[in-house]
PDB file of all heavy atoms in Angstrom:
ATOM      1  N   THR A   1      10.395   8.265   7.062  1.00  0.00           N
ATOM      2  CA  THR A   1      11.685   9.008   7.002  1.00  0.00           C
ATOM      3  C   THR A   1      11.453  10.212   6.209  1.00  0.00           C
ATOM      4  O   THR A   1      10.352  10.588   5.765  1.00  0.00           O
ATOM      5  CB  THR A   1      12.731   8.059   6.482  1.00  0.00           C
ATOM      6  OG1 THR A   1      13.978   8.563   6.647  1.00  0.00           O
ATOM      7  CG2 THR A   1      12.455   7.674   4.997  1.00  0.00           C
ATOM      8  N   ASP A   2      12.581  10.813   5.817  1.00  0.00           N
ATOM      9  CA  ASP A   2      12.570  12.004   4.849  1.00  0.00           C
ATOM     10  C   ASP A   2      12.608  11.529   3.546  1.00  0.00           C
ATOM     11  O   ASP A   2      13.632  11.445   2.918  1.00  0.00           O
ATOM     12  CB  ASP A   2      13.758  12.869   5.225  1.00  0.00           C
ATOM     13  CG  ASP A   2      13.710  14.196   4.527  1.00  0.00           C
ATOM     14  OD1 ASP A   2      12.761  14.412   3.751  1.00  0.00           O
ATOM     15  OD2 ASP A   2      14.646  15.057   4.652  1.00  0.00           O
ATOM     16  N   PHE A   3      11.517  11.182   2.999  1.00  0.00           N
ATOM     17  CA  PHE A   3      11.324  10.762   1.541  1.00  0.00           C
ATOM     18  C   PHE A   3      11.737  11.777   0.597  1.00  0.00           C
ATOM     19  O   PHE A   3      11.476  12.959   0.838  1.00  0.00           O
ATOM     20  CB  PHE A   3      10.096  10.083   1.290  1.00  0.00           C
ATOM     21  CG  PHE A   3       9.621   8.889   2.180  1.00  0.00           C
ATOM     22  CD1 PHE A   3       8.623   9.090   3.060  1.00  0.00           C
ATOM     23  CD2 PHE A   3      10.167   7.706   1.954  1.00  0.00           C
ATOM     24  CE1 PHE A   3       8.218   8.042   3.947  1.00  0.00           C
ATOM     25  CE2 PHE A   3       9.913   6.563   2.900  1.00  0.00           C
ATOM     26  CZ  PHE A   3       8.905   6.761   3.738  1.00  0.00           C
ATOM     27  N   ASP A   4      12.419  11.326  -0.523  1.00  0.00           N
ATOM     28  CA  ASP A   4      12.858  12.343  -1.517  1.00  0.00           C
ATOM     29  C   ASP A   4      11.476  13.046  -2.092  1.00  0.00           C
ATOM     30  O   ASP A   4      11.559  14.330  -2.353  1.00  0.00           O
ATOM     31  CB  ASP A   4      13.487  11.658  -2.763  1.00  0.00           C
ATOM     32  CG  ASP A   4      14.944  11.156  -2.226  1.00  0.00           C
ATOM     33  OD1 ASP A   4      15.411  11.603  -1.287  1.00  0.00           O
ATOM     34  OD2 ASP A   4      15.363  10.166  -2.828  1.00  0.00           O
ATOM     35  N   ALA A   5      10.426  12.293  -2.256  1.00  0.00           N
ATOM     36  CA  ALA A   5       9.315  12.938  -2.746  1.00  0.00           C
ATOM     37  C   ALA A   5       8.038  12.163  -2.048  1.00  0.00           C
ATOM     38  O   ALA A   5       7.948  11.076  -1.975  1.00  0.00           O
ATOM     39  CB  ALA A   5       9.170  12.743  -4.296  1.00  0.00           C
ATOM     40  N   ALA A   6       7.092  13.109  -1.560  1.00  0.00           N
ATOM     41  CA  ALA A   6       5.948  12.526  -1.021  1.00  0.00           C
ATOM     42  C   ALA A   6       4.768  12.314  -2.159  1.00  0.00           C
ATOM     43  O   ALA A   6       4.655  13.254  -2.817  1.00  0.00           O
ATOM     44  CB  ALA A   6       5.446  13.524   0.062  1.00  0.00           C
ATOM     45  N   PRO A   7       4.044  11.325  -2.105  1.00  0.00           N
ATOM     46  CA  PRO A   7       3.046  11.048  -3.149  1.00  0.00           C
ATOM     47  C   PRO A   7       2.048  12.121  -3.207  1.00  0.00           C
ATOM     48  O   PRO A   7       1.517  12.397  -4.340  1.00  0.00           O
ATOM     49  CB  PRO A   7       2.506   9.656  -2.727  1.00  0.00           C
ATOM     50  CG  PRO A   7       3.538   9.162  -1.809  1.00  0.00           C
ATOM     51  CD  PRO A   7       4.218  10.153  -1.104  1.00  0.00           C
ATOM     52  N   ASP A   8       1.701  12.794  -2.168  1.00  0.00           N
ATOM     53  CA  ASP A   8       0.760  13.905  -2.182  1.00  0.00           C
ATOM     54  C   ASP A   8       1.223  15.276  -2.523  1.00  0.00           C
ATOM     55  O   ASP A   8       0.527  16.202  -2.483  1.00  0.00           O
ATOM     56  CB  ASP A   8      -0.063  13.900  -0.836  1.00  0.00           C
ATOM     57  CG  ASP A   8       0.793  14.099   0.343  1.00  0.00           C
ATOM     58  OD1 ASP A   8       2.036  14.429   0.249  1.00  0.00           O
ATOM     59  OD2 ASP A   8       0.264  14.054   1.551  1.00  0.00           O
ATOM     60  N   GLY A   9       2.608  15.328  -2.737  1.00  0.00           N
ATOM     61  CA  GLY A   9       2.996  16.590  -3.119  1.00  0.00           C
ATOM     62  C   GLY A   9       3.585  17.477  -1.977  1.00  0.00           C
ATOM     63  O   GLY A   9       4.257  18.443  -2.178  1.00  0.00           O
ATOM     64  N   ALA A  10       3.057  17.114  -0.760  1.00  0.00           N
ATOM     65  CA  ALA A  10       3.432  17.905   0.483  1.00  0.00           C
ATOM     66  C   ALA A  10       4.808  17.451   1.005  1.00  0.00           C
ATOM     67  O   ALA A  10       5.269  16.269   0.601  1.00  0.00           O
ATOM     68  CB  ALA A  10       2.390  17.866   1.462  1.00  0.00           C
ATOM     69  N   PRO A  11       5.476  18.175   1.914  1.00  0.00           N
ATOM     70  CA  PRO A  11       6.620  17.601   2.473  1.00  0.00           C
ATOM     71  C   PRO A  11       6.503  16.250   3.166  1.00  0.00           C
ATOM     72  O   PRO A  11       5.355  16.060   3.781  1.00  0.00           O
ATOM     73  CB  PRO A  11       7.085  18.744   3.465  1.00  0.00           C
ATOM     74  CG  PRO A  11       6.454  19.890   2.986  1.00  0.00           C
ATOM     75  CD  PRO A  11       5.164  19.578   2.264  1.00  0.00           C
ATOM     76  N   SER A  12       7.505  15.393   3.116  1.00  0.00           N
ATOM     77  CA  SER A  12       7.373  14.158   3.799  1.00  0.00           C
ATOM     78  C   SER A  12       7.586  14.276   5.346  1.00  0.00           C
ATOM     79  O   SER A  12       7.424  13.238   6.080  1.00  0.00           O
ATOM     80  CB  SER A  12       8.363  13.120   3.234  1.00  0.00           C
ATOM     81  OG  SER A  12       9.833  13.617   3.336  1.00  0.00           O
ATOM     82  N   LEU A  13       8.046  15.402   5.817  1.00  0.00           N
ATOM     83  CA  LEU A  13       8.359  15.728   7.266  1.00  0.00           C
ATOM     84  C   LEU A  13       7.283  16.737   7.706  1.00  0.00           C
ATOM     85  O   LEU A  13       6.927  17.516   6.963  1.00  0.00           O
ATOM     86  CB  LEU A  13       9.681  16.121   7.512  1.00  0.00           C
ATOM     87  CG  LEU A  13      10.949  15.192   7.041  1.00  0.00           C
ATOM     88  CD1 LEU A  13      12.253  15.768   7.429  1.00  0.00           C
ATOM     89  CD2 LEU A  13      10.797  13.817   7.787  1.00  0.00           C
ATOM     90  N   THR A  14       7.039  16.703   8.915  1.00  0.00           N
ATOM     91  CA  THR A  14       6.190  17.687   9.611  1.00  0.00           C
ATOM     92  C   THR A  14       7.050  18.908   9.820  1.00  0.00           C
ATOM     93  O   THR A  14       8.380  18.986   9.708  1.00  0.00           O
ATOM     94  CB  THR A  14       5.712  17.153  10.906  1.00  0.00           C
ATOM     95  OG1 THR A  14       6.756  17.018  11.943  1.00  0.00           O
ATOM     96  CG2 THR A  14       4.962  15.793  10.749  1.00  0.00           C
ATOM     97  N   GLU A  15       6.263  19.930  10.235  1.00  0.00           N
ATOM     98  CA  GLU A  15       6.897  21.255  10.605  1.00  0.00           C
ATOM     99  C   GLU A  15       7.981  20.996  11.727  1.00  0.00           C
ATOM    100  O   GLU A  15       8.913  21.841  11.968  1.00  0.00           O
ATOM    101  CB  GLU A  15       5.910  22.320  10.949  1.00  0.00           C
ATOM    102  CG  GLU A  15       5.055  22.685   9.758  1.00  0.00           C
ATOM    103  CD  GLU A  15       3.933  23.716  10.144  1.00  0.00           C
ATOM    104  OE1 GLU A  15       3.827  23.925  11.391  1.00  0.00           O
ATOM    105  OE2 GLU A  15       3.388  24.309   9.242  1.00  0.00           O
ATOM    106  N   SER A  16       7.754  20.009  12.544  1.00  0.00           N
ATOM    107  CA  SER A  16       8.681  19.717  13.613  1.00  0.00           C
ATOM    108  C   SER A  16       9.850  18.891  13.287  1.00  0.00           C
ATOM    109  O   SER A  16      10.808  18.617  13.998  1.00  0.00           O
ATOM    110  CB  SER A  16       7.922  19.087  14.757  1.00  0.00           C
ATOM    111  OG  SER A  16       6.879  19.760  15.312  1.00  0.00           O
ATOM    112  N   GLY A  17       9.919  18.483  11.960  1.00  0.00           N
ATOM    113  CA  GLY A  17      11.037  17.691  11.477  1.00  0.00           C
ATOM    114  C   GLY A  17      10.980  16.204  11.540  1.00  0.00           C
ATOM    115  O   GLY A  17      11.922  15.458  11.513  1.00  0.00           O
ATOM    116  N   TYR A  18       9.732  15.694  12.044  1.00  0.00           N
ATOM    117  CA  TYR A  18       9.515  14.266  12.175  1.00  0.00           C
ATOM    118  C   TYR A  18       8.777  13.687  10.995  1.00  0.00           C
ATOM    119  O   TYR A  18       8.126  14.446  10.317  1.00  0.00           O
ATOM    120  CB  TYR A  18       8.889  13.956  13.554  1.00  0.00           C
ATOM    121  CG  TYR A  18       9.808  14.498  14.787  1.00  0.00           C
ATOM    122  CD1 TYR A  18       9.440  15.579  15.385  1.00  0.00           C
ATOM    123  CD2 TYR A  18      10.797  13.580  15.118  1.00  0.00           C
ATOM    124  CE1 TYR A  18      10.147  15.973  16.490  1.00  0.00           C
ATOM    125  CE2 TYR A  18      11.475  13.966  16.254  1.00  0.00           C
ATOM    126  CZ  TYR A  18      11.245  15.226  16.965  1.00  0.00           C
ATOM    127  OH  TYR A  18      12.029  15.644  17.974  1.00  0.00           O
ATOM    128  N   PRO A  19       8.812  12.317  10.818  1.00  0.00           N
ATOM    129  CA  PRO A  19       8.033  11.820   9.672  1.00  0.00           C
ATOM    130  C   PRO A  19       6.608  11.936   9.699  1.00  0.00           C
ATOM    131  O   PRO A  19       5.947  11.888  10.688  1.00  0.00           O
ATOM    132  CB  PRO A  19       8.367  10.239   9.820  1.00  0.00           C
ATOM    133  CG  PRO A  19       9.756  10.201  10.531  1.00  0.00           C
ATOM    134  CD  PRO A  19       9.674  11.353  11.445  1.00  0.00           C
ATOM    135  N   ARG A  20       6.063  12.315   8.511  1.00  0.00           N
ATOM    136  CA  ARG A  20       4.722  12.383   8.380  1.00  0.00           C
ATOM    137  C   ARG A  20       4.007  11.295   7.623  1.00  0.00           C
ATOM    138  O   ARG A  20       2.803  11.010   7.842  1.00  0.00           O
ATOM    139  CB  ARG A  20       4.377  13.730   7.521  1.00  0.00           C
ATOM    140  CG  ARG A  20       2.938  14.075   7.263  1.00  0.00           C
ATOM    141  CD  ARG A  20       2.896  15.355   6.409  1.00  0.00           C
ATOM    142  NE  ARG A  20       3.329  15.152   5.082  1.00  0.00           N
ATOM    143  CZ  ARG A  20       2.485  14.868   4.069  1.00  0.00           C
ATOM    144  NH1 ARG A  20       1.195  14.454   4.329  1.00  0.00           N
ATOM    145  NH2 ARG A  20       2.931  14.695   2.783  1.00  0.00           N
ATOM    146  N   ILE A  21       4.893  10.641   6.848  1.00  0.00           N
ATOM    147  CA  ILE A  21       4.344   9.546   5.955  1.00  0.00           C
ATOM    148  C   ILE A  21       5.009   8.255   6.253  1.00  0.00           C
ATOM    149  O   ILE A  21       6.079   8.134   6.563  1.00  0.00           O
ATOM    150  CB  ILE A  21       4.648   9.820   4.467  1.00  0.00           C
ATOM    151  CG1 ILE A  21       3.823  11.123   4.005  1.00  0.00           C
ATOM    152  CG2 ILE A  21       4.413   8.723   3.660  1.00  0.00           C
ATOM    153  CD1 ILE A  21       4.160  11.622   2.694  1.00  0.00           C
ATOM    154  N   THR A  22       4.166   7.127   6.394  1.00  0.00           N
ATOM    155  CA  THR A  22       4.633   5.911   6.652  1.00  0.00           C
ATOM    156  C   THR A  22       4.420   4.894   5.365  1.00  0.00           C
ATOM    157  O   THR A  22       3.200   4.900   4.861  1.00  0.00           O
ATOM    158  CB  THR A  22       3.962   5.098   7.869  1.00  0.00           C
ATOM    159  OG1 THR A  22       4.262   5.881   8.995  1.00  0.00           O
ATOM    160  CG2 THR A  22       4.447   3.729   8.072  1.00  0.00           C
ATOM    161  N   LYS A  23       5.419   4.212   4.960  1.00  0.00           N
ATOM    162  CA  LYS A  23       5.304   3.286   3.827  1.00  0.00           C
ATOM    163  C   LYS A  23       5.462   1.882   4.319  1.00  0.00           C
ATOM    164  O   LYS A  23       6.103   1.679   5.357  1.00  0.00           O
ATOM    165  CB  LYS A  23       6.347   3.570   2.771  1.00  0.00           C
ATOM    166  CG  LYS A  23       6.156   4.949   2.074  1.00  0.00           C
ATOM    167  CD  LYS A  23       7.046   5.157   0.869  1.00  0.00           C
ATOM    168  CE  LYS A  23       6.813   6.267   0.045  1.00  0.00           C
ATOM    169  NZ  LYS A  23       7.666   6.346  -1.156  1.00  0.00           N
ATOM    170  N   ARG A  24       4.926   0.890   3.562  1.00  0.00           N
ATOM    171  CA  ARG A  24       5.155  -0.558   3.737  1.00  0.00           C
ATOM    172  C   ARG A  24       6.134  -0.875   2.826  1.00  0.00           C
ATOM    173  O   ARG A  24       5.929  -0.943   1.612  1.00  0.00           O
ATOM    174  CB  ARG A  24       3.840  -1.265   3.623  1.00  0.00           C
ATOM    175  CG  ARG A  24       3.858  -2.769   3.839  1.00  0.00           C
ATOM    176  CD  ARG A  24       2.536  -3.458   3.448  1.00  0.00           C
ATOM    177  NE  ARG A  24       2.545  -4.797   3.789  1.00  0.00           N
ATOM    178  CZ  ARG A  24       1.794  -5.369   4.773  1.00  0.00           C
ATOM    179  NH1 ARG A  24       1.108  -4.684   5.595  1.00  0.00           N
ATOM    180  NH2 ARG A  24       1.871  -6.741   4.848  1.00  0.00           N
ATOM    181  N   TRP A  25       7.348  -1.242   3.221  1.00  0.00           N
ATOM    182  CA  TRP A  25       8.433  -1.541   2.484  1.00  0.00           C
ATOM    183  C   TRP A  25       8.772  -3.063   2.496  1.00  0.00           C
ATOM    184  O   TRP A  25       9.038  -3.649   3.470  1.00  0.00           O
ATOM    185  CB  TRP A  25       9.711  -0.767   2.911  1.00  0.00           C
ATOM    186  CG  TRP A  25      10.946  -0.818   2.000  1.00  0.00           C
ATOM    187  CD1 TRP A  25      10.997  -1.195   0.702  1.00  0.00           C
ATOM    188  CD2 TRP A  25      12.215  -0.324   2.424  1.00  0.00           C
ATOM    189  NE1 TRP A  25      12.197  -0.974   0.213  1.00  0.00           N
ATOM    190  CE2 TRP A  25      12.946  -0.384   1.198  1.00  0.00           C
ATOM    191  CE3 TRP A  25      12.753   0.195   3.465  1.00  0.00           C
ATOM    192  CZ2 TRP A  25      14.315  -0.080   1.123  1.00  0.00           C
ATOM    193  CZ3 TRP A  25      14.054   0.594   3.524  1.00  0.00           C
ATOM    194  CH2 TRP A  25      14.842   0.424   2.261  1.00  0.00           C
ATOM    195  N   VAL A  26       8.794  -3.733   1.213  1.00  0.00           N
ATOM    196  CA  VAL A  26       9.016  -5.049   1.092  1.00  0.00           C
ATOM    197  C   VAL A  26      10.544  -5.259   0.776  1.00  0.00           C
ATOM    198  O   VAL A  26      10.994  -4.610  -0.174  1.00  0.00           O
ATOM    199  CB  VAL A  26       8.105  -5.830   0.102  1.00  0.00           C
ATOM    200  CG1 VAL A  26       8.437  -7.279  -0.121  1.00  0.00           C
ATOM    201  CG2 VAL A  26       6.564  -5.586   0.608  1.00  0.00           C
ATOM    202  N   ARG A  27      11.171  -6.233   1.346  1.00  0.00           N
ATOM    203  CA  ARG A  27      12.472  -6.495   1.000  1.00  0.00           C
ATOM    204  C   ARG A  27      12.788  -6.701  -0.421  1.00  0.00           C
ATOM    205  O   ARG A  27      11.909  -7.483  -1.251  1.00  0.00           O
ATOM    206  CB  ARG A  27      13.043  -7.845   1.711  1.00  0.00           C
ATOM    207  CG  ARG A  27      14.507  -8.081   1.621  1.00  0.00           C
ATOM    208  CD  ARG A  27      14.708  -9.411   2.344  1.00  0.00           C
ATOM    209  NE  ARG A  27      14.497  -9.369   3.747  1.00  0.00           N
ATOM    210  CZ  ARG A  27      15.275  -8.847   4.734  1.00  0.00           C
ATOM    211  NH1 ARG A  27      16.324  -8.309   4.325  1.00  0.00           N
ATOM    212  NH2 ARG A  27      14.834  -8.972   5.924  1.00  0.00           N
ATOM    213  N   GLY A  28      13.844  -6.166  -0.988  1.00  0.00           N
ATOM    214  CA  GLY A  28      14.230  -6.313  -2.325  1.00  0.00           C
ATOM    215  C   GLY A  28      13.513  -5.289  -3.283  1.00  0.00           C
ATOM    216  O   GLY A  28      13.705  -5.369  -4.432  1.00  0.00           O
ATOM    217  N   THR A  29      12.678  -4.478  -2.838  1.00  0.00           N
ATOM    218  CA  THR A  29      11.933  -3.506  -3.659  1.00  0.00           C
ATOM    219  C   THR A  29      12.529  -2.002  -3.426  1.00  0.00           C
ATOM    220  O   THR A  29      13.177  -1.778  -2.393  1.00  0.00           O
ATOM    221  CB  THR A  29      10.506  -3.471  -3.431  1.00  0.00           C
ATOM    222  OG1 THR A  29      10.077  -3.066  -2.107  1.00  0.00           O
ATOM    223  CG2 THR A  29       9.901  -4.811  -3.605  1.00  0.00           C
ATOM    224  N   ASP A  30      12.196  -1.219  -4.313  1.00  0.00           N
ATOM    225  CA  ASP A  30      12.774   0.216  -4.206  1.00  0.00           C
ATOM    226  C   ASP A  30      11.782   0.919  -3.128  1.00  0.00           C
ATOM    227  O   ASP A  30      10.588   0.883  -3.350  1.00  0.00           O
ATOM    228  CB  ASP A  30      12.563   0.854  -5.486  1.00  0.00           C
ATOM    229  CG  ASP A  30      13.376   2.140  -5.564  1.00  0.00           C
ATOM    230  OD1 ASP A  30      13.412   2.921  -4.479  1.00  0.00           O
ATOM    231  OD2 ASP A  30      13.943   2.615  -6.564  1.00  0.00           O
TER     232      ASP A  30
END
């Protein structure tokens, strides 16, 4: 998704506006 901040410092979206980064999200965590 459009994460507020990407860990590598680059935008979390591509130039086309689609997600660039995938995270593994566990229920109940931030």
